[in-house]
C-alpha atoms as a PDB file:
ATOM      1  CA  UNK A   1     206.939 -84.589-133.402  1.00  0.00           C
ATOM      2  CA  UNK A   2     206.416 -82.762-130.459  1.00  0.00           C
ATOM      3  CA  UNK A   3     204.971 -79.304-130.815  1.00  0.00           C
ATOM      4  CA  UNK A   4     208.534 -77.296-129.915  1.00  0.00           C
ATOM      5  CA  UNK A   5     209.457 -79.303-133.053  1.00  0.00           C
ATOM      6  CA  UNK A   6     206.873 -78.473-135.188  1.00  0.00           C
ATOM      7  CA  UNK A   7     206.934 -74.539-133.986  1.00  0.00           C
ATOM      8  CA  UNK A   8     210.920 -74.862-135.378  1.00  0.00           C
ATOM      9  CA  UNK A   9     210.127 -76.554-138.668  1.00  0.00           C
ATOM     10  CA  UNK A  10     206.940 -73.608-139.099  1.00  0.00           C
ATOM     11  CA  UNK A  11     210.021 -70.566-137.634  1.00  0.00           C
ATOM     12  CA  UNK A  12     212.517 -72.434-140.525  1.00  0.00           C
ATOM     13  CA  UNK A  13     209.809 -72.861-143.061  1.00  0.00           C
ATOM     14  CA  UNK A  14     209.006 -68.637-142.919  1.00  0.00           C
ATOM     15  CA  UNK A  15     212.660 -67.747-142.544  1.00  0.00           C
ATOM     16  CA  UNK A  16     213.325 -69.281-146.155  1.00  0.00           C
ATOM     17  CA  UNK A  17     210.433 -67.441-147.255  1.00  0.00           C
ATOM     18  CA  UNK A  18     211.180 -63.993-146.048  1.00  0.00           C
ATOM     19  CA  UNK A  19     212.934 -62.138-149.163  1.00  0.00           C
ATOM     20  CA  UNK A  20     216.708 -61.460-147.996  1.00  0.00           C
ATOM     21  CA  UNK A  21     217.347 -58.783-150.434  1.00  0.00           C
ATOM     22  CA  UNK A  22     214.135 -56.338-148.486  1.00  0.00           C
ATOM     23  CA  UNK A  23     215.933 -52.885-148.600  1.00  0.00           C
ATOM     24  CA  UNK A  24     216.114 -51.059-145.600  1.00  0.00           C
ATOM     25  CA  UNK A  25     214.384 -48.049-144.479  1.00  0.00           C
ATOM     26  CA  UNK A  26     215.492 -44.592-145.656  1.00  0.00           C
ATOM     27  CA  UNK A  27     216.825 -43.594-142.132  1.00  0.00           C
ATOM     28  CA  UNK A  28     218.779 -46.873-141.734  1.00  0.00           C
ATOM     29  CA  UNK A  29     220.727 -46.753-144.862  1.00  0.00           C
ATOM     30  CA  UNK A  30     224.018 -45.547-145.584  1.00  0.00           C
ATOM     31  CA  UNK A  31     224.739 -42.088-146.675  1.00  0.00           C
ATOM     32  CA  UNK A  32     225.737 -41.898-149.582  1.00  0.00           C
ATOM     33  CA  UNK A  33     228.949 -39.581-150.417  1.00  0.00           C
ATOM     34  CA  UNK A  34     227.619 -37.333-153.525  1.00  0.00           C
ATOM     35  CA  UNK A  35     225.011 -36.747-151.234  1.00  0.00           C
ATOM     36  CA  UNK A  36     226.605 -35.711-148.188  1.00  0.00           C
ATOM     37  CA  UNK A  37     228.875 -33.130-150.494  1.00  0.00           C
ATOM     38  CA  UNK A  38     225.888 -31.638-152.118  1.00  0.00           C
ATOM     39  CA  UNK A  39     224.045 -31.048-148.213  1.00  0.00           C
ATOM     40  CA  UNK A  40     227.713 -29.322-147.484  1.00  0.00           C
ATOM     41  CA  UNK A  41     227.912 -27.426-150.376  1.00  0.00           C
ATOM     42  CA  UNK A  42     223.712 -26.435-149.666  1.00  0.00           C
ATOM     43  CA  UNK A  43     224.967 -25.419-146.513  1.00  0.00           C
ATOM     44  CA  UNK A  44     227.682 -23.455-146.604  1.00  0.00           C
ATOM     45  CA  UNK A  45     225.811 -21.260-149.446  1.00  0.00           C
ATOM     46  CA  UNK A  46     223.132 -20.966-146.926  1.00  0.00           C
ATOM     47  CA  UNK A  47     226.003 -20.059-144.095  1.00  0.00           C
ATOM     48  CA  UNK A  48     227.478 -17.700-146.190  1.00  0.00           C
ATOM     49  CA  UNK A  49     224.379 -15.808-147.699  1.00  0.00           C
ATOM     50  CA  UNK A  50     223.212 -15.458-143.827  1.00  0.00           C
ATOM     51  CA  UNK A  51     226.540 -14.389-142.604  1.00  0.00           C
ATOM     52  CA  UNK A  52     228.197 -11.643-145.128  1.00  0.00           C
ATOM     53  CA  UNK A  53     224.633  -9.492-144.585  1.00  0.00           C
ATOM     54  CA  UNK A  54     225.395  -9.601-140.838  1.00  0.00           C
ATOM     55  CA  UNK A  55     228.846  -9.059-141.690  1.00  0.00           C
ATOM     56  CA  UNK A  56     228.496  -5.909-143.874  1.00  0.00           C
ATOM     57  CA  UNK A  57     226.265  -4.449-141.158  1.00  0.00           C
ATOM     58  CA  UNK A  58     228.652  -4.931-138.765  1.00  0.00           C
ATOM     59  CA  UNK A  59     231.555  -3.907-140.526  1.00  0.00           C
ATOM     60  CA  UNK A  60     230.143  -0.925-142.096  1.00  0.00           C
ATOM     61  CA  UNK A  61     228.967   0.094-137.934  1.00  0.00           C
ATOM     62  CA  UNK A  62     232.817   0.378-137.125  1.00  0.00           C
ATOM     63  CA  UNK A  63     233.610   1.878-140.414  1.00  0.00           C
ATOM     64  CA  UNK A  64     235.055   5.885-140.136  1.00  0.00           C
ATOM     65  CA  UNK A  65     234.048   8.411-142.218  1.00  0.00           C
ATOM     66  CA  UNK A  66     237.018   8.236-144.376  1.00  0.00           C
ATOM     67  CA  UNK A  67     235.999   4.355-145.216  1.00  0.00           C
ATOM     68  CA  UNK A  68     232.373   5.629-145.902  1.00  0.00           C
ATOM     69  CA  UNK A  69     233.816   7.929-148.781  1.00  0.00           C
ATOM     70  CA  UNK A  70     236.194   5.510-150.571  1.00  0.00           C
ATOM     71  CA  UNK A  71     233.276   3.344-150.718  1.00  0.00           C
ATOM     72  CA  UNK A  72     230.946   5.872-152.217  1.00  0.00           C
ATOM     73  CA  UNK A  73     228.781   6.158-149.123  1.00  0.00           C
ATOM     74  CA  UNK A  74     227.479   2.498-149.121  1.00  0.00           C
ATOM     75  CA  UNK A  75     227.833  -0.572-146.977  1.00  0.00           C
ATOM     76  CA  UNK A  76     231.577  -1.718-146.412  1.00  0.00           C
ATOM     77  CA  UNK A  77     232.476  -5.435-146.567  1.00  0.00           C
ATOM     78  CA  UNK A  78     235.740  -4.733-144.516  1.00  0.00           C
ATOM     79  CA  UNK A  79     236.527  -1.059-142.690  1.00  0.00           C
ATOM     80  CA  UNK A  80     239.973  -0.258-143.551  1.00  0.00           C
ATOM     81  CA  UNK A  81     239.358   2.584-141.118  1.00  0.00           C
ATOM     82  CA  UNK A  82     237.825   1.104-137.646  1.00  0.00           C
ATOM     83  CA  UNK A  83     235.970   3.708-135.163  1.00  0.00           C
ATOM     84  CA  UNK A  84     233.382   2.935-132.320  1.00  0.00           C
ATOM     85  CA  UNK A  85     232.485   6.611-132.701  1.00  0.00           C
ATOM     86  CA  UNK A  86     228.798   4.943-134.090  1.00  0.00           C
ATOM     87  CA  UNK A  87     228.397   3.220-130.515  1.00  0.00           C
ATOM     88  CA  UNK A  88     230.106   5.280-128.568  1.00  0.00           C
ATOM     89  CA  UNK A  89     227.255   8.488-129.646  1.00  0.00           C
ATOM     90  CA  UNK A  90     224.560   6.000-129.609  1.00  0.00           C
ATOM     91  CA  UNK A  91     225.822   4.482-126.402  1.00  0.00           C
ATOM     92  CA  UNK A  92     226.379   7.751-124.267  1.00  0.00           C
ATOM     93  CA  UNK A  93     222.737   8.063-122.838  1.00  0.00           C
ATOM     94  CA  UNK A  94     221.324   9.431-125.832  1.00  0.00           C
ATOM     95  CA  UNK A  95     217.510   8.240-127.446  1.00  0.00           C
ATOM     96  CA  UNK A  96     219.297   4.606-128.081  1.00  0.00           C
ATOM     97  CA  UNK A  97     220.221   3.698-124.821  1.00  0.00           C
ATOM     98  CA  UNK A  98     217.147   5.059-122.655  1.00  0.00           C
ATOM     99  CA  UNK A  99     215.506   2.667-126.062  1.00  0.00           C
ATOM    100  CA  UNK A 100     217.901  -0.430-124.787  1.00  0.00           C
ATOM    101  CA  UNK A 101     216.654  -0.443-121.244  1.00  0.00           C
ATOM    102  CA  UNK A 102     212.558   0.463-122.062  1.00  0.00           C
ATOM    103  CA  UNK A 103     213.524  -2.928-124.621  1.00  0.00           C
ATOM    104  CA  UNK A 104     214.860  -5.189-121.475  1.00  0.00           C
ATOM    105  CA  UNK A 105     212.313  -3.836-119.129  1.00  0.00           C
ATOM    106  CA  UNK A 106     209.324  -4.559-121.431  1.00  0.00           C
ATOM    107  CA  UNK A 107     210.834  -7.765-122.400  1.00  0.00           C
ATOM    108  CA  UNK A 108     211.570  -8.938-118.966  1.00  0.00           C
ATOM    109  CA  UNK A 109     209.121  -8.158-117.270  1.00  0.00           C
ATOM    110  CA  UNK A 110     206.584  -9.320-120.366  1.00  0.00           C
ATOM    111  CA  UNK A 111     208.441 -12.335-120.549  1.00  0.00           C
ATOM    112  CA  UNK A 112     207.798 -13.531-117.009  1.00  0.00           C
ATOM    113  CA  UNK A 113     204.105 -12.075-116.951  1.00  0.00           C
ATOM    114  CA  UNK A 114     203.441 -13.936-119.886  1.00  0.00           C
ATOM    115  CA  UNK A 115     204.670 -17.319-118.882  1.00  0.00           C
ATOM    116  CA  UNK A 116     202.853 -17.061-115.420  1.00  0.00           C
ATOM    117  CA  UNK A 117     199.509 -16.485-117.279  1.00  0.00           C
ATOM    118  CA  UNK A 118     200.189 -18.945-120.028  1.00  0.00           C
ATOM    119  CA  UNK A 119     201.271 -21.874-117.615  1.00  0.00           C
ATOM    120  CA  UNK A 120     198.421 -21.253-115.235  1.00  0.00           C
ATOM    121  CA  UNK A 121     195.852 -20.906-117.776  1.00  0.00           C
ATOM    122  CA  UNK A 122     197.103 -23.978-119.797  1.00  0.00           C
ATOM    123  CA  UNK A 123     197.431 -26.349-116.100  1.00  0.00           C
ATOM    124  CA  UNK A 124     193.959 -25.337-115.474  1.00  0.00           C
ATOM    125  CA  UNK A 125     192.671 -26.587-119.390  1.00  0.00           C
ATOM    126  CA  UNK A 126     194.744 -29.732-118.713  1.00  0.00           C
ATOM    127  CA  UNK A 127     192.948 -30.676-116.366  1.00  0.00           C
ATOM    128  CA  UNK A 128     190.280 -33.581-117.304  1.00  0.00           C
ATOM    129  CA  UNK A 129     187.700 -32.482-114.401  1.00  0.00           C
ATOM    130  CA  UNK A 130     188.602 -28.398-114.557  1.00  0.00           C
ATOM    131  CA  UNK A 131     185.651 -26.387-113.656  1.00  0.00           C
ATOM    132  CA  UNK A 132     184.682 -24.441-116.879  1.00  0.00           C
ATOM    133  CA  UNK A 133     187.646 -25.257-118.728  1.00  0.00           C
ATOM    134  CA  UNK A 134     185.657 -26.756-121.528  1.00  0.00           C
ATOM    135  CA  UNK A 135     184.012 -23.244-122.618  1.00  0.00           C
ATOM    136  CA  UNK A 136     187.037 -21.612-121.709  1.00  0.00           C
ATOM    137  CA  UNK A 137     189.180 -23.922-124.346  1.00  0.00           C
ATOM    138  CA  UNK A 138     186.524 -23.352-127.023  1.00  0.00           C
ATOM    139  CA  UNK A 139     187.103 -19.276-125.861  1.00  0.00           C
ATOM    140  CA  UNK A 140     191.419 -20.049-126.769  1.00  0.00           C
ATOM    141  CA  UNK A 141     190.600 -22.253-129.477  1.00  0.00           C
ATOM    142  CA  UNK A 142     188.663 -19.438-131.203  1.00  0.00           C
ATOM    143  CA  UNK A 143     191.113 -16.569-130.388  1.00  0.00           C
ATOM    144  CA  UNK A 144     193.232 -18.794-132.548  1.00  0.00           C
ATOM    145  CA  UNK A 145     191.245 -18.565-135.180  1.00  0.00           C
ATOM    146  CA  UNK A 146     189.699 -14.903-135.179  1.00  0.00           C
ATOM    147  CA  UNK A 147     191.661 -11.692-133.866  1.00  0.00           C
ATOM    148  CA  UNK A 148     190.234  -8.725-132.607  1.00  0.00           C
ATOM    149  CA  UNK A 149     190.188  -5.808-134.723  1.00  0.00           C
ATOM    150  CA  UNK A 150     192.420  -2.945-134.642  1.00  0.00           C
ATOM    151  CA  UNK A 151     189.828  -0.437-133.526  1.00  0.00           C
ATOM    152  CA  UNK A 152     188.603  -2.276-130.830  1.00  0.00           C
ATOM    153  CA  UNK A 153     191.648  -3.095-129.142  1.00  0.00           C
ATOM    154  CA  UNK A 154     192.843   0.634-129.312  1.00  0.00           C
ATOM    155  CA  UNK A 155     189.505   1.901-127.352  1.00  0.00           C
ATOM    156  CA  UNK A 156     189.760  -1.108-124.998  1.00  0.00           C
ATOM    157  CA  UNK A 157     193.365   0.398-124.796  1.00  0.00           C
ATOM    158  CA  UNK A 158     192.027   4.096-124.286  1.00  0.00           C
ATOM    159  CA  UNK A 159     189.611   3.100-122.060  1.00  0.00           C
ATOM    160  CA  UNK A 160     191.820   1.684-119.487  1.00  0.00           C
ATOM    161  CA  UNK A 161     194.424   4.808-119.591  1.00  0.00           C
ATOM    162  CA  UNK A 162     196.829   2.854-120.443  1.00  0.00           C
ATOM    163  CA  UNK A 163     198.028   5.047-123.406  1.00  0.00           C
ATOM    164  CA  UNK A 164     201.627   6.088-123.482  1.00  0.00           C
ATOM    165  CA  UNK A 165     202.002   3.623-120.636  1.00  0.00           C
ATOM    166  CA  UNK A 166     204.768   0.687-121.042  1.00  0.00           C
ATOM    167  CA  UNK A 167     201.502  -1.619-120.032  1.00  0.00           C
ATOM    168  CA  UNK A 168     200.293  -0.910-123.442  1.00  0.00           C
ATOM    169  CA  UNK A 169     203.155  -3.275-124.524  1.00  0.00           C
ATOM    170  CA  UNK A 170     202.514  -5.926-122.563  1.00  0.00           C
ATOM    171  CA  UNK A 171     198.626  -6.651-121.114  1.00  0.00           C
ATOM    172  CA  UNK A 172     197.101  -6.592-124.888  1.00  0.00           C
ATOM    173  CA  UNK A 173     199.586  -9.316-125.978  1.00  0.00           C
ATOM    174  CA  UNK A 174     200.115 -10.772-122.590  1.00  0.00           C
ATOM    175  CA  UNK A 175     198.528 -14.111-122.978  1.00  0.00           C
ATOM    176  CA  UNK A 176     199.073 -16.146-126.758  1.00  0.00           C
ATOM    177  CA  UNK A 177     196.687 -18.766-127.480  1.00  0.00           C
ATOM    178  CA  UNK A 178     198.738 -21.057-129.667  1.00  0.00           C
ATOM    179  CA  UNK A 179     200.832 -20.783-127.190  1.00  0.00           C
ATOM    180  CA  UNK A 180     198.220 -22.029-124.406  1.00  0.00           C
ATOM    181  CA  UNK A 181     197.338 -24.262-126.718  1.00  0.00           C
ATOM    182  CA  UNK A 182     201.108 -26.288-126.665  1.00  0.00           C
ATOM    183  CA  UNK A 183     201.514 -25.756-123.369  1.00  0.00           C
ATOM    184  CA  UNK A 184     198.232 -27.548-122.889  1.00  0.00           C
ATOM    185  CA  UNK A 185     198.895 -30.371-124.647  1.00  0.00           C
ATOM    186  CA  UNK A 186     202.299 -31.021-123.066  1.00  0.00           C
ATOM    187  CA  UNK A 187     200.916 -31.196-119.858  1.00  0.00           C
ATOM    188  CA  UNK A 188     198.472 -33.811-120.440  1.00  0.00           C
ATOM    189  CA  UNK A 189     201.279 -35.918-121.675  1.00  0.00           C
ATOM    190  CA  UNK A 190     202.471 -35.757-117.802  1.00  0.00           C
ATOM    191  CA  UNK A 191     202.009 -39.138-115.872  1.00  0.00           C
ATOM    192  CA  UNK A 192     198.623 -39.212-114.025  1.00  0.00           C
ATOM    193  CA  UNK A 193     200.391 -41.105-111.126  1.00  0.00           C
ATOM    194  CA  UNK A 194     202.080 -37.660-110.297  1.00  0.00           C
ATOM    195  CA  UNK A 195     198.955 -35.511-109.665  1.00  0.00           C
ATOM    196  CA  UNK A 196     197.084 -38.482-108.101  1.00  0.00           C
ATOM    197  CA  UNK A 197     200.032 -39.005-105.518  1.00  0.00           C
ATOM    198  CA  UNK A 198     199.506 -34.860-105.232  1.00  0.00           C
ATOM    199  CA  UNK A 199     196.259 -35.306-104.608  1.00  0.00           C
ATOM    200  CA  UNK A 200     196.383 -38.431-101.849  1.00  0.00           C
ATOM    201  CA  UNK A 201     199.310 -35.832-100.089  1.00  0.00           C
ATOM    202  CA  UNK A 202     196.920 -33.572 -99.852  1.00  0.00           C
ATOM    203  CA  UNK A 203     198.217 -30.987-101.872  1.00  0.00           C
ATOM    204  CA  UNK A 204     196.724 -28.466-103.812  1.00  0.00           C
ATOM    205  CA  UNK A 205     196.182 -27.264-107.500  1.00  0.00           C
ATOM    206  CA  UNK A 206     198.859 -24.358-107.276  1.00  0.00           C
ATOM    207  CA  UNK A 207     201.236 -26.544-104.992  1.00  0.00           C
ATOM    208  CA  UNK A 208     201.070 -29.458-107.710  1.00  0.00           C
ATOM    209  CA  UNK A 209     201.749 -26.790-110.590  1.00  0.00           C
ATOM    210  CA  UNK A 210     204.957 -25.195-108.980  1.00  0.00           C
ATOM    211  CA  UNK A 211     206.028 -28.223-107.195  1.00  0.00           C
ATOM    212  CA  UNK A 212     205.824 -31.059-109.861  1.00  0.00           C
ATOM    213  CA  UNK A 213     204.347 -29.734-113.159  1.00  0.00           C
ATOM    214  CA  UNK A 214     206.982 -26.363-113.727  1.00  0.00           C
ATOM    215  CA  UNK A 215     210.032 -28.388-112.670  1.00  0.00           C
ATOM    216  CA  UNK A 216     208.898 -30.902-115.364  1.00  0.00           C
ATOM    217  CA  UNK A 217     208.010 -28.579-118.497  1.00  0.00           C
ATOM    218  CA  UNK A 218     211.518 -26.963-118.498  1.00  0.00           C
ATOM    219  CA  UNK A 219     211.657 -27.211-122.263  1.00  0.00           C
ATOM    220  CA  UNK A 220     208.430 -26.111-123.051  1.00  0.00           C
ATOM    221  CA  UNK A 221     209.077 -22.741-120.923  1.00  0.00           C
ATOM    222  CA  UNK A 222     212.122 -22.195-122.914  1.00  0.00           C
ATOM    223  CA  UNK A 223     210.528 -22.386-126.035  1.00  0.00           C
ATOM    224  CA  UNK A 224     207.370 -20.652-124.901  1.00  0.00           C
ATOM    225  CA  UNK A 225     209.488 -18.250-122.872  1.00  0.00           C
ATOM    226  CA  UNK A 226     211.427 -17.650-126.373  1.00  0.00           C
ATOM    227  CA  UNK A 227     208.882 -17.097-128.243  1.00  0.00           C
ATOM    228  CA  UNK A 228     207.226 -14.299-125.744  1.00  0.00           C
ATOM    229  CA  UNK A 229     210.614 -12.701-125.468  1.00  0.00           C
ATOM    230  CA  UNK A 230     211.169 -12.342-129.321  1.00  0.00           C
ATOM    231  CA  UNK A 231     207.456 -10.770-129.677  1.00  0.00           C
ATOM    232  CA  UNK A 232     208.011  -8.238-127.275  1.00  0.00           C
ATOM    233  CA  UNK A 233     211.378  -7.015-128.340  1.00  0.00           C
ATOM    234  CA  UNK A 234     210.474  -7.196-131.868  1.00  0.00           C
ATOM    235  CA  UNK A 235     206.966  -5.088-131.795  1.00  0.00           C
ATOM    236  CA  UNK A 236     207.029  -1.702-132.959  1.00  0.00           C
ATOM    237  CA  UNK A 237     202.999  -2.179-133.887  1.00  0.00           C
ATOM    238  CA  UNK A 238     201.889  -1.791-130.541  1.00  0.00           C
ATOM    239  CA  UNK A 239     204.176   1.295-129.498  1.00  0.00           C
ATOM    240  CA  UNK A 240     203.150   3.093-133.018  1.00  0.00           C
ATOM    241  CA  UNK A 241     199.914   2.836-132.038  1.00  0.00           C
ATOM    242  CA  UNK A 242     199.980   3.683-127.968  1.00  0.00           C
ATOM    243  CA  UNK A 243     203.085   5.333-127.135  1.00  0.00           C
ATOM    244  CA  UNK A 244     202.607   9.094-128.195  1.00  0.00           C
ATOM    245  CA  UNK A 245     205.904  10.813-126.858  1.00  0.00           C
ATOM    246  CA  UNK A 246     209.154   9.682-128.200  1.00  0.00           C
ATOM    247  CA  UNK A 247     211.336   9.429-124.838  1.00  0.00           C
ATOM    248  CA  UNK A 248     208.983   6.076-124.397  1.00  0.00           C
ATOM    249  CA  UNK A 249     210.105   4.472-127.573  1.00  0.00           C
ATOM    250  CA  UNK A 250     211.421   0.539-127.325  1.00  0.00           C
ATOM    251  CA  UNK A 251     214.062  -0.197-129.449  1.00  0.00           C
ATOM    252  CA  UNK A 252     212.324  -1.607-131.988  1.00  0.00           C
ATOM    253  CA  UNK A 253     210.114   1.739-133.077  1.00  0.00           C
ATOM    254  CA  UNK A 254     213.558   3.548-132.854  1.00  0.00           C
ATOM    255  CA  UNK A 255     214.824   1.027-135.426  1.00  0.00           C
ATOM    256  CA  UNK A 256     211.858   1.576-137.641  1.00  0.00           C
ATOM    257  CA  UNK A 257     212.020   5.384-137.423  1.00  0.00           C
ATOM    258  CA  UNK A 258     215.995   5.949-138.474  1.00  0.00           C
ATOM    259  CA  UNK A 259     216.835   2.609-140.205  1.00  0.00           C
ATOM    260  CA  UNK A 260     213.698   1.576-141.914  1.00  0.00           C
ATOM    261  CA  UNK A 261     212.140   4.748-142.703  1.00  0.00           C
ATOM    262  CA  UNK A 262     215.556   6.509-143.175  1.00  0.00           C
ATOM    263  CA  UNK A 263     215.071   9.588-140.479  1.00  0.00           C
ATOM    264  CA  UNK A 264     218.492  11.740-140.225  1.00  0.00           C
ATOM    265  CA  UNK A 265     219.806  11.298-136.437  1.00  0.00           C
ATOM    266  CA  UNK A 266     220.627  14.485-134.991  1.00  0.00           C
ATOM    267  CA  UNK A 267     222.292  15.618-131.673  1.00  0.00           C
ATOM    268  CA  UNK A 268     219.264  15.577-129.910  1.00  0.00           C
ATOM    269  CA  UNK A 269     219.417  11.989-130.437  1.00  0.00           C
ATOM    270  CA  UNK A 270     222.580  10.592-129.655  1.00  0.00           C
ATOM    271  CA  UNK A 271     225.434  12.023-127.373  1.00  0.00           C
ATOM    272  CA  UNK A 272     227.071  15.179-126.962  1.00  0.00           C
ATOM    273  CA  UNK A 273     230.008  14.956-129.322  1.00  0.00           C
ATOM    274  CA  UNK A 274     232.286  17.213-131.125  1.00  0.00           C
ATOM    275  CA  UNK A 275     231.541  15.487-134.447  1.00  0.00           C
ATOM    276  CA  UNK A 276     228.217  13.893-135.089  1.00  0.00           C
ATOM    277  CA  UNK A 277     229.493   9.674-136.989  1.00  0.00           C
ATOM    278  CA  UNK A 278     228.430   9.590-140.213  1.00  0.00           C
ATOM    279  CA  UNK A 279     224.497   8.728-141.126  1.00  0.00           C
ATOM    280  CA  UNK A 280     225.222   5.011-142.650  1.00  0.00           C
ATOM    281  CA  UNK A 281     227.384   4.455-139.392  1.00  0.00           C
ATOM    282  CA  UNK A 282     225.050   5.328-137.310  1.00  0.00           C
ATOM    283  CA  UNK A 283     221.967   3.479-138.728  1.00  0.00           C
ATOM    284  CA  UNK A 284     223.739   0.136-138.839  1.00  0.00           C
ATOM    285  CA  UNK A 285     225.031   0.371-135.538  1.00  0.00           C
ATOM    286  CA  UNK A 286     221.758   0.729-134.282  1.00  0.00           C
ATOM    287  CA  UNK A 287     220.451  -2.085-136.028  1.00  0.00           C
ATOM    288  CA  UNK A 288     223.505  -4.031-134.448  1.00  0.00           C
ATOM    289  CA  UNK A 289     221.972  -2.895-130.893  1.00  0.00           C
ATOM    290  CA  UNK A 290     218.787  -3.972-131.767  1.00  0.00           C
ATOM    291  CA  UNK A 291     219.664  -7.465-133.185  1.00  0.00           C
ATOM    292  CA  UNK A 292     222.714  -8.850-131.021  1.00  0.00           C
ATOM    293  CA  UNK A 293     220.985  -8.774-127.225  1.00  0.00           C
ATOM    294  CA  UNK A 294     217.697 -11.093-128.442  1.00  0.00           C
ATOM    295  CA  UNK A 295     220.355 -13.301-130.682  1.00  0.00           C
ATOM    296  CA  UNK A 296     222.520 -13.834-127.774  1.00  0.00           C
ATOM    297  CA  UNK A 297     219.957 -15.820-125.689  1.00  0.00           C
ATOM    298  CA  UNK A 298     219.815 -18.428-128.478  1.00  0.00           C
ATOM    299  CA  UNK A 299     222.329 -20.463-127.821  1.00  0.00           C
ATOM    300  CA  UNK A 300     221.447 -20.533-123.709  1.00  0.00           C
ATOM    301  CA  UNK A 301     217.872 -22.249-125.019  1.00  0.00           C
ATOM    302  CA  UNK A 302     219.098 -24.251-128.452  1.00  0.00           C
ATOM    303  CA  UNK A 303     218.772 -27.387-126.490  1.00  0.00           C
ATOM    304  CA  UNK A 304     215.472 -27.221-125.234  1.00  0.00           C
ATOM    305  CA  UNK A 305     213.538 -26.172-128.562  1.00  0.00           C
ATOM    306  CA  UNK A 306     212.979 -28.380-130.561  1.00  0.00           C
ATOM    307  CA  UNK A 307     212.010 -31.003-127.959  1.00  0.00           C
ATOM    308  CA  UNK A 308     209.626 -28.547-126.321  1.00  0.00           C
ATOM    309  CA  UNK A 309     208.305 -28.066-129.542  1.00  0.00           C
ATOM    310  CA  UNK A 310     207.776 -31.269-130.444  1.00  0.00           C
ATOM    311  CA  UNK A 311     206.561 -32.502-126.967  1.00  0.00           C
ATOM    312  CA  UNK A 312     204.179 -29.595-126.992  1.00  0.00           C
ATOM    313  CA  UNK A 313     202.778 -29.718-130.759  1.00  0.00           C
ATOM    314  CA  UNK A 314     202.307 -33.937-130.890  1.00  0.00           C
ATOM    315  CA  UNK A 315     199.127 -34.356-128.995  1.00  0.00           C
ATOM    316  CA  UNK A 316     196.080 -32.017-129.308  1.00  0.00           C
END
């Protein structure tokens, strides 16, 4: 008997001994109709629980005085009287209009500066033979575990002359250590052949970063940029500490003052009008204006979100 025949005979014996009723992995099993229905119902309930509060806020912001009176002064699920007076008063040049412009400015400038500094630091730490990379990486890891105290941070900002300045909303939080680690892990997974060929061509580190690394890192840049943008847009505590005049308040601080703390909105906070709209529609309109702009960004970055987080977090 030849060697080929012997191998074929052994293969047939192994195939006979192999159990035929072996179960497939869970992710390869056919979906159970009952489980599919349960998942659909659970997802539908979750969506309804999210949509109803947001719809109530939106409907109340467009309600007129008569609708608010008919509802007993509370929230409205469906406004019988439609009115845009709250938005006209808030967006007509008062405090909310100014706060929106400040929040947009801080978010855009802060996100760009944060992405530039985070990408540069992460690229430096990702290179195997970078100068002082390991000690700086230990400092970054330490920053993840230990945060500076409130009083030392305030004293540093004060000594730098940043009080009541928009830079106080950006510089203290410009680099996030966790984002640096995620982006560094992503850069480490790029093929080393790219860096070797660029080094042979005489490209500098800055050229490699701008011309090669960043174009290949759109997913992680989109995710980290979204993290930074949401943090800048929603940050109110730094503004509460460092901004001393109300005309420099960002939108998050306006939201906290007039919606969370229920402060009365007077004529000096809204545009001049014959009559100030009811307080509840004004508060709900502020909440909508503070929520919708950052929600608009999500659909454009959704396709990169899962990919960027997973790729950057698999390898440490």
